[in-house]
């Protein structure tokens, strides 16, 4: 099942600050990822995969309202 970054975070009852800390970015950076203003680089994507136990192909990086 494909999920947005926001959905991945919400499914684990994490705040944006929690998710940002878990993957090693600032809260502002995480917020921008969720909004689709910026996109994570490969190293951050690998951390997201590890923290949320998902594969890259299952992550939707665009906000829901743009899909």
N, C-alpha and C. Protein backbone atom coordinates (compact mmCIF):
# COMPACT_ATOMS: atom_id res chain seq x y z
N UNK A 1 0.84 -1.17 0.00
CA UNK A 1 0.00 0.00 0.00
C UNK A 1 0.89 1.24 0.00
N UNK A 2 0.58 2.20 -0.84
CA UNK A 2 1.35 3.43 -0.93
C UNK A 2 0.81 4.45 0.06
N UNK A 3 1.73 5.13 0.76
CA UNK A 3 1.35 6.11 1.76
C UNK A 3 2.18 7.38 1.62
N UNK A 4 1.58 8.50 1.97
CA UNK A 4 2.32 9.76 2.00
C UNK A 4 3.20 9.79 3.24
N UNK A 5 4.14 10.72 3.27
CA UNK A 5 4.98 10.88 4.45
C UNK A 5 4.13 11.22 5.67
N UNK A 6 3.12 12.04 5.48
CA UNK A 6 2.24 12.40 6.58
C UNK A 6 1.51 11.17 7.12
N UNK A 7 1.03 10.32 6.23
CA UNK A 7 0.32 9.11 6.65
C UNK A 7 1.26 8.15 7.36
N UNK A 8 2.48 8.00 6.85
CA UNK A 8 3.46 7.14 7.52
C UNK A 8 3.68 7.61 8.95
N UNK A 9 3.86 8.91 9.09
CA UNK A 9 4.09 9.51 10.40
C UNK A 9 2.88 9.33 11.31
N UNK A 10 1.71 9.62 10.80
CA UNK A 10 0.48 9.53 11.60
C UNK A 10 0.19 8.10 12.04
N UNK A 11 0.47 7.14 11.17
CA UNK A 11 0.25 5.73 11.52
C UNK A 11 1.10 5.29 12.70
N UNK A 12 2.19 5.96 12.94
CA UNK A 12 3.05 5.64 14.08
C UNK A 12 2.85 6.62 15.23
N UNK A 13 1.82 7.44 15.15
CA UNK A 13 1.50 8.44 16.18
C UNK A 13 2.70 9.33 16.49
N UNK A 14 3.38 9.74 15.44
CA UNK A 14 4.55 10.60 15.60
C UNK A 14 4.19 12.03 15.20
N UNK A 15 4.77 12.98 15.91
CA UNK A 15 4.63 14.37 15.51
C UNK A 15 5.64 14.64 14.40
N UNK A 16 5.54 15.79 13.77
CA UNK A 16 6.53 16.14 12.76
C UNK A 16 7.91 16.22 13.39
N UNK A 17 7.98 16.73 14.61
CA UNK A 17 9.27 16.82 15.31
C UNK A 17 9.84 15.43 15.56
N UNK A 18 8.99 14.48 15.96
CA UNK A 18 9.45 13.11 16.21
C UNK A 18 10.00 12.48 14.93
N UNK A 19 9.25 12.64 13.83
CA UNK A 19 9.68 12.05 12.56
C UNK A 19 10.98 12.68 12.09
N UNK A 20 11.07 13.99 12.21
CA UNK A 20 12.28 14.70 11.79
C UNK A 20 13.49 14.20 12.57
N UNK A 21 13.34 14.08 13.87
CA UNK A 21 14.44 13.62 14.72
C UNK A 21 14.83 12.18 14.35
N UNK A 22 13.85 11.34 14.10
CA UNK A 22 14.11 9.94 13.79
C UNK A 22 14.91 9.76 12.51
N UNK A 23 14.69 10.64 11.53
CA UNK A 23 15.43 10.51 10.27
C UNK A 23 16.61 11.47 10.17
N UNK A 24 16.78 12.32 11.17
CA UNK A 24 17.95 13.19 11.21
C UNK A 24 17.87 14.47 10.41
N UNK A 25 16.67 15.05 10.33
CA UNK A 25 16.50 16.34 9.66
C UNK A 25 15.79 17.29 10.62
N UNK A 26 15.75 18.57 10.26
CA UNK A 26 15.04 19.53 11.10
C UNK A 26 13.53 19.37 10.92
N UNK A 27 12.79 19.89 11.87
CA UNK A 27 11.33 19.83 11.78
C UNK A 27 10.85 20.61 10.56
N UNK A 28 11.46 21.75 10.27
CA UNK A 28 11.10 22.54 9.09
C UNK A 28 11.33 21.75 7.81
N UNK A 29 12.45 21.04 7.75
CA UNK A 29 12.76 20.22 6.58
C UNK A 29 11.71 19.14 6.40
N UNK A 30 11.35 18.45 7.49
CA UNK A 30 10.32 17.41 7.41
C UNK A 30 8.99 18.00 6.95
N UNK A 31 8.64 19.15 7.49
CA UNK A 31 7.39 19.81 7.11
C UNK A 31 7.39 20.11 5.60
N UNK A 32 8.53 20.56 5.09
CA UNK A 32 8.63 20.84 3.66
C UNK A 32 8.52 19.57 2.82
N UNK A 33 9.04 18.46 3.32
CA UNK A 33 8.88 17.17 2.62
C UNK A 33 7.39 16.83 2.54
N UNK A 34 6.68 16.95 3.65
CA UNK A 34 5.25 16.61 3.67
C UNK A 34 4.45 17.50 2.74
N UNK A 35 4.82 18.76 2.64
CA UNK A 35 4.10 19.70 1.79
C UNK A 35 4.51 19.62 0.32
N UNK A 36 5.57 18.87 0.04
CA UNK A 36 6.04 18.75 -1.33
C UNK A 36 6.84 19.95 -1.80
N UNK A 37 7.28 20.79 -0.86
CA UNK A 37 8.09 21.95 -1.23
C UNK A 37 9.52 21.54 -1.55
N UNK A 38 10.02 20.53 -0.83
CA UNK A 38 11.34 19.97 -1.09
C UNK A 38 11.22 18.46 -1.00
N UNK A 39 12.26 17.78 -1.46
CA UNK A 39 12.24 16.33 -1.46
C UNK A 39 13.52 15.81 -0.82
N UNK A 40 13.43 14.71 -0.10
CA UNK A 40 14.62 14.17 0.57
C UNK A 40 15.63 13.61 -0.42
N UNK A 41 16.90 13.70 -0.03
CA UNK A 41 17.93 13.09 -0.87
C UNK A 41 17.98 11.59 -0.58
N UNK A 42 18.81 10.89 -1.29
CA UNK A 42 18.86 9.43 -1.21
C UNK A 42 19.17 8.94 0.21
N UNK A 43 20.11 9.59 0.89
CA UNK A 43 20.45 9.15 2.24
C UNK A 43 19.27 9.30 3.21
N UNK A 44 18.54 10.38 3.07
CA UNK A 44 17.37 10.59 3.93
C UNK A 44 16.27 9.59 3.57
N UNK A 45 16.10 9.33 2.30
CA UNK A 45 15.10 8.33 1.88
C UNK A 45 15.41 6.98 2.51
N UNK A 46 16.67 6.60 2.52
CA UNK A 46 17.07 5.33 3.15
C UNK A 46 16.71 5.31 4.63
N UNK A 47 16.90 6.44 5.31
CA UNK A 47 16.54 6.53 6.73
C UNK A 47 15.04 6.43 6.91
N UNK A 48 14.28 7.07 6.02
CA UNK A 48 12.81 7.00 6.08
C UNK A 48 12.37 5.56 5.91
N UNK A 49 12.96 4.86 4.95
CA UNK A 49 12.62 3.45 4.74
C UNK A 49 12.86 2.64 6.01
N UNK A 50 13.98 2.89 6.65
CA UNK A 50 14.36 2.13 7.84
C UNK A 50 13.45 2.46 9.04
N UNK A 51 13.22 3.74 9.27
CA UNK A 51 12.42 4.17 10.42
C UNK A 51 10.97 3.71 10.29
N UNK A 52 10.41 3.83 9.09
CA UNK A 52 8.99 3.53 8.90
C UNK A 52 8.74 2.14 8.33
N UNK A 53 9.80 1.38 8.10
CA UNK A 53 9.69 0.00 7.59
C UNK A 53 8.88 -0.07 6.30
N UNK A 54 9.26 0.79 5.35
CA UNK A 54 8.62 0.81 4.03
C UNK A 54 9.69 0.81 2.95
N UNK A 55 9.28 0.49 1.75
CA UNK A 55 10.17 0.56 0.60
C UNK A 55 9.92 1.88 -0.11
N UNK A 56 10.93 2.35 -0.79
CA UNK A 56 10.83 3.61 -1.54
C UNK A 56 9.60 3.62 -2.44
N UNK A 57 9.35 2.52 -3.12
CA UNK A 57 8.23 2.43 -4.07
C UNK A 57 6.87 2.59 -3.39
N UNK A 58 6.81 2.44 -2.06
CA UNK A 58 5.55 2.55 -1.34
C UNK A 58 5.33 3.92 -0.70
N UNK A 59 6.25 4.85 -0.96
CA UNK A 59 6.13 6.19 -0.39
C UNK A 59 5.66 7.16 -1.46
N UNK A 60 4.64 7.93 -1.13
CA UNK A 60 4.15 8.98 -2.02
C UNK A 60 4.77 10.28 -1.52
N UNK A 61 5.60 10.91 -2.35
CA UNK A 61 6.28 12.13 -1.93
C UNK A 61 5.52 13.41 -2.26
N UNK A 62 4.45 13.30 -3.03
CA UNK A 62 3.64 14.47 -3.33
C UNK A 62 2.52 14.59 -2.31
N UNK A 63 2.15 15.81 -1.93
CA UNK A 63 1.01 15.97 -1.03
C UNK A 63 -0.25 15.42 -1.69
N UNK A 64 -1.18 14.95 -0.89
CA UNK A 64 -2.41 14.34 -1.41
C UNK A 64 -3.17 15.26 -2.33
N UNK A 65 -3.21 16.56 -2.04
CA UNK A 65 -4.00 17.47 -2.85
C UNK A 65 -3.43 17.72 -4.26
N UNK A 66 -2.22 17.22 -4.52
CA UNK A 66 -1.65 17.39 -5.87
C UNK A 66 -1.71 16.10 -6.69
N UNK A 67 -2.19 15.03 -6.10
CA UNK A 67 -2.23 13.74 -6.80
C UNK A 67 -3.49 13.65 -7.62
